[in-house]
N, C-alpha and C. Protein backbone atom coordinates (compact mmCIF):
# COMPACT_ATOMS: atom_id res chain seq x y z
N MET A 1 2.03 64.98 25.79
CA MET A 1 0.62 65.08 25.52
C MET A 1 0.22 63.96 24.50
N LYS A 2 -0.79 63.22 24.76
CA LYS A 2 -1.28 62.18 23.85
C LYS A 2 -2.16 62.82 22.81
N GLU A 3 -1.78 62.63 21.54
CA GLU A 3 -2.50 63.21 20.40
C GLU A 3 -3.51 62.18 19.91
N THR A 4 -4.72 62.59 19.65
CA THR A 4 -5.67 61.69 19.01
C THR A 4 -6.08 62.40 17.66
N VAL A 5 -5.94 61.64 16.63
CA VAL A 5 -6.31 62.13 15.29
C VAL A 5 -7.49 61.33 14.86
N PRO A 6 -8.61 62.00 14.39
CA PRO A 6 -9.76 61.27 14.08
C PRO A 6 -9.67 60.35 12.88
N ASP A 7 -8.86 60.62 11.97
CA ASP A 7 -8.63 59.85 10.74
C ASP A 7 -7.34 60.15 10.09
N ASN A 8 -6.93 59.34 9.12
CA ASN A 8 -5.69 59.62 8.45
C ASN A 8 -5.99 60.22 7.08
N THR A 9 -6.42 61.45 7.07
CA THR A 9 -6.68 62.12 5.79
C THR A 9 -5.81 63.34 5.70
N LEU A 10 -5.80 63.89 4.49
CA LEU A 10 -5.02 65.13 4.25
C LEU A 10 -5.56 66.24 5.15
N LYS A 11 -6.86 66.27 5.34
CA LYS A 11 -7.44 67.34 6.17
C LYS A 11 -6.97 67.23 7.58
N SER A 12 -6.94 66.04 8.14
CA SER A 12 -6.44 65.88 9.54
C SER A 12 -4.95 66.14 9.57
N LEU A 13 -4.26 65.80 8.60
CA LEU A 13 -2.80 66.07 8.58
C LEU A 13 -2.53 67.59 8.61
N ARG A 14 -3.29 68.31 7.82
CA ARG A 14 -3.20 69.79 7.77
C ARG A 14 -3.49 70.31 9.21
N SER A 15 -4.51 69.81 9.84
CA SER A 15 -4.85 70.27 11.19
C SER A 15 -3.72 70.03 12.16
N VAL A 16 -3.17 68.87 12.12
CA VAL A 16 -2.06 68.48 13.00
C VAL A 16 -0.86 69.41 12.73
N LEU A 17 -0.54 69.62 11.47
CA LEU A 17 0.60 70.48 11.15
C LEU A 17 0.47 71.88 11.68
N PHE A 18 -0.69 72.43 11.55
CA PHE A 18 -0.97 73.78 12.07
C PHE A 18 -0.93 73.82 13.57
N ARG A 19 -1.38 72.78 14.19
CA ARG A 19 -1.31 72.68 15.65
C ARG A 19 0.18 72.59 16.11
N GLU A 20 0.96 71.85 15.33
CA GLU A 20 2.40 71.73 15.64
C GLU A 20 3.09 73.10 15.50
N LEU A 21 2.71 73.86 14.43
CA LEU A 21 3.30 75.18 14.29
C LEU A 21 2.96 76.11 15.45
N THR A 22 1.71 76.00 15.86
CA THR A 22 1.26 76.80 17.02
C THR A 22 2.08 76.42 18.29
N ASP A 23 2.20 75.14 18.49
CA ASP A 23 2.99 74.63 19.66
C ASP A 23 4.46 75.09 19.59
N LEU A 24 5.04 75.10 18.42
CA LEU A 24 6.40 75.59 18.25
C LEU A 24 6.53 77.05 18.56
N ARG A 25 5.60 77.84 18.03
CA ARG A 25 5.59 79.31 18.30
C ARG A 25 5.40 79.57 19.81
N ASN A 26 4.65 78.77 20.48
CA ASN A 26 4.38 78.93 21.92
C ASN A 26 5.44 78.29 22.80
N ASP A 27 6.51 77.77 22.22
CA ASP A 27 7.54 77.11 22.99
C ASP A 27 7.07 75.89 23.70
N GLU A 28 6.04 75.22 23.18
CA GLU A 28 5.56 74.03 23.87
C GLU A 28 6.27 72.76 23.33
N VAL A 29 6.97 72.86 22.22
CA VAL A 29 7.79 71.77 21.69
C VAL A 29 9.16 72.40 21.30
N ASP A 30 10.17 71.51 21.25
CA ASP A 30 11.44 72.00 20.89
C ASP A 30 11.67 71.89 19.36
N ALA A 31 12.70 72.48 18.86
CA ALA A 31 12.95 72.52 17.42
C ALA A 31 13.15 71.16 16.81
N ASN A 32 13.80 70.23 17.60
CA ASN A 32 14.03 68.86 17.06
C ASN A 32 12.71 68.13 16.83
N HIS A 33 11.76 68.37 17.73
CA HIS A 33 10.38 67.73 17.53
C HIS A 33 9.80 68.32 16.28
N ALA A 34 9.86 69.64 16.06
CA ALA A 34 9.26 70.26 14.88
C ALA A 34 9.93 69.69 13.58
N VAL A 35 11.22 69.54 13.59
CA VAL A 35 11.90 69.03 12.40
C VAL A 35 11.51 67.64 12.12
N ALA A 36 11.32 66.79 13.16
CA ALA A 36 10.88 65.42 12.98
C ALA A 36 9.46 65.37 12.37
N VAL A 37 8.59 66.18 12.92
CA VAL A 37 7.22 66.21 12.41
C VAL A 37 7.23 66.70 10.98
N SER A 38 8.00 67.69 10.65
CA SER A 38 8.08 68.23 9.28
C SER A 38 8.57 67.10 8.32
N LYS A 39 9.60 66.39 8.68
CA LYS A 39 10.12 65.30 7.78
C LYS A 39 9.09 64.22 7.58
N ILE A 40 8.40 63.80 8.63
CA ILE A 40 7.40 62.77 8.48
C ILE A 40 6.24 63.30 7.63
N SER A 41 5.80 64.51 7.86
CA SER A 41 4.73 65.08 7.12
C SER A 41 5.07 65.22 5.65
N SER A 42 6.27 65.57 5.33
CA SER A 42 6.74 65.68 3.94
C SER A 42 6.66 64.35 3.24
N GLN A 43 7.03 63.28 3.95
CA GLN A 43 6.94 61.93 3.35
C GLN A 43 5.47 61.53 3.13
N ILE A 44 4.60 61.88 4.05
CA ILE A 44 3.18 61.55 3.91
C ILE A 44 2.61 62.30 2.72
N ILE A 45 2.92 63.56 2.61
CA ILE A 45 2.42 64.39 1.47
C ILE A 45 2.97 63.85 0.22
N SER A 46 4.20 63.47 0.12
CA SER A 46 4.77 62.89 -1.08
C SER A 46 4.08 61.60 -1.49
N SER A 47 3.78 60.78 -0.52
CA SER A 47 3.05 59.56 -0.83
C SER A 47 1.69 59.85 -1.36
N TYR A 48 0.97 60.83 -0.81
CA TYR A 48 -0.37 61.22 -1.41
C TYR A 48 -0.20 61.72 -2.83
N ALA A 49 0.86 62.50 -3.07
CA ALA A 49 1.07 63.06 -4.44
C ALA A 49 1.28 61.93 -5.40
N VAL A 50 2.07 60.88 -5.06
CA VAL A 50 2.26 59.77 -5.91
C VAL A 50 0.96 58.99 -6.12
N GLU A 51 0.20 58.82 -5.08
CA GLU A 51 -1.12 58.12 -5.23
C GLU A 51 -2.10 58.86 -6.15
N ILE A 52 -2.13 60.14 -5.98
CA ILE A 52 -3.01 60.99 -6.82
C ILE A 52 -2.54 60.89 -8.26
N SER A 53 -1.23 60.98 -8.48
CA SER A 53 -0.69 60.85 -9.86
C SER A 53 -1.06 59.50 -10.48
N ALA A 54 -0.96 58.47 -9.67
CA ALA A 54 -1.26 57.09 -10.16
C ALA A 54 -2.78 56.99 -10.56
N VAL A 55 -3.60 57.57 -9.76
CA VAL A 55 -5.03 57.53 -10.00
C VAL A 55 -5.34 58.33 -11.27
N LYS A 56 -4.76 59.49 -11.47
CA LYS A 56 -4.95 60.28 -12.66
C LYS A 56 -4.53 59.50 -13.87
N THR A 57 -3.34 58.84 -13.79
CA THR A 57 -2.85 58.07 -14.89
C THR A 57 -3.74 56.92 -15.18
N ALA A 58 -4.25 56.22 -14.12
CA ALA A 58 -5.21 55.14 -14.36
C ALA A 58 -6.50 55.61 -15.03
N ASN A 59 -6.99 56.78 -14.66
CA ASN A 59 -8.16 57.35 -15.28
C ASN A 59 -7.91 57.69 -16.76
N ASP A 60 -6.72 58.20 -17.05
CA ASP A 60 -6.41 58.50 -18.39
C ASP A 60 -6.38 57.22 -19.25
N LEU A 61 -5.77 56.16 -18.69
CA LEU A 61 -5.70 54.88 -19.36
C LEU A 61 -7.07 54.28 -19.58
N LYS A 62 -7.95 54.46 -18.57
CA LYS A 62 -9.28 53.92 -18.66
C LYS A 62 -10.07 54.51 -19.83
N GLU A 63 -9.83 55.83 -20.02
CA GLU A 63 -10.48 56.52 -21.15
C GLU A 63 -9.99 55.99 -22.51
N ARG A 64 -8.89 55.37 -22.52
CA ARG A 64 -8.33 54.82 -23.82
C ARG A 64 -8.82 53.38 -24.01
N ASN A 65 -9.71 52.91 -23.09
CA ASN A 65 -10.25 51.57 -23.19
C ASN A 65 -9.23 50.48 -23.19
N LEU A 66 -8.16 50.62 -22.44
CA LEU A 66 -7.20 49.59 -22.30
C LEU A 66 -7.71 48.51 -21.37
N THR A 67 -7.50 47.23 -21.65
CA THR A 67 -8.13 46.18 -20.92
C THR A 67 -7.68 46.13 -19.47
N TYR A 68 -6.43 46.49 -19.19
CA TYR A 68 -5.90 46.41 -17.86
C TYR A 68 -6.14 47.70 -16.97
N ALA A 69 -6.68 48.75 -17.61
CA ALA A 69 -6.91 49.97 -16.91
C ALA A 69 -7.91 49.83 -15.78
N ALA A 70 -8.94 48.98 -15.90
CA ALA A 70 -9.89 48.84 -14.88
C ALA A 70 -9.26 48.32 -13.59
N ASN A 71 -8.25 47.41 -13.78
CA ASN A 71 -7.54 46.85 -12.62
C ASN A 71 -6.73 47.93 -11.89
N ILE A 72 -6.07 48.76 -12.68
CA ILE A 72 -5.32 49.86 -12.12
C ILE A 72 -6.17 50.86 -11.37
N ALA A 73 -7.37 51.14 -11.89
CA ALA A 73 -8.27 52.05 -11.25
C ALA A 73 -8.73 51.64 -9.87
N ASN A 74 -8.57 50.38 -9.50
CA ASN A 74 -8.99 49.85 -8.23
C ASN A 74 -8.09 50.41 -7.07
N ILE A 75 -7.07 51.12 -7.41
CA ILE A 75 -6.20 51.65 -6.31
C ILE A 75 -6.75 52.88 -5.61
N LEU A 76 -7.90 53.35 -6.02
CA LEU A 76 -8.50 54.52 -5.42
C LEU A 76 -8.85 54.27 -4.01
N THR A 77 -8.55 55.28 -3.14
CA THR A 77 -8.93 55.23 -1.74
C THR A 77 -9.99 56.37 -1.59
N THR A 78 -10.71 56.31 -0.51
CA THR A 78 -11.71 57.31 -0.20
C THR A 78 -11.07 58.69 -0.10
N ASP A 79 -9.96 58.81 0.55
CA ASP A 79 -9.23 60.10 0.77
C ASP A 79 -8.80 60.64 -0.61
N ILE A 80 -8.24 59.81 -1.44
CA ILE A 80 -7.75 60.29 -2.75
C ILE A 80 -8.98 60.69 -3.64
N THR A 81 -10.08 59.94 -3.61
CA THR A 81 -11.21 60.30 -4.34
C THR A 81 -11.76 61.64 -3.94
N THR A 82 -11.78 61.90 -2.66
CA THR A 82 -12.26 63.21 -2.13
C THR A 82 -11.31 64.31 -2.60
N THR A 83 -9.96 64.08 -2.56
CA THR A 83 -8.99 65.11 -2.95
C THR A 83 -9.16 65.41 -4.46
N LEU A 84 -9.30 64.33 -5.26
CA LEU A 84 -9.43 64.58 -6.71
C LEU A 84 -10.77 65.37 -7.01
N GLU A 85 -11.81 65.10 -6.27
CA GLU A 85 -13.06 65.79 -6.48
C GLU A 85 -12.92 67.29 -6.09
N GLU A 86 -12.16 67.57 -5.06
CA GLU A 86 -11.98 68.94 -4.60
C GLU A 86 -11.13 69.72 -5.53
N SER A 87 -10.24 69.09 -6.34
CA SER A 87 -9.33 69.84 -7.19
C SER A 87 -9.94 70.12 -8.55
């Protein structure tokens, strides 16, 4: 089955993961497929966590008026901005 994902956001990742769980429960995919999806998803989530941590650190530095902090703050992505606003 060809999967189409509207965007590469945490919200769409969550949707895909729950769809994968449903497919596994309904015996539509095998366990090896589920393990592979789980491992890839874990890496994606870890990369988001690192990015969120970096943005929080940049924001903390910016508040200290360090001259290089403005450059660090440019690493913000739309998805991370939305995630930070929601938390």
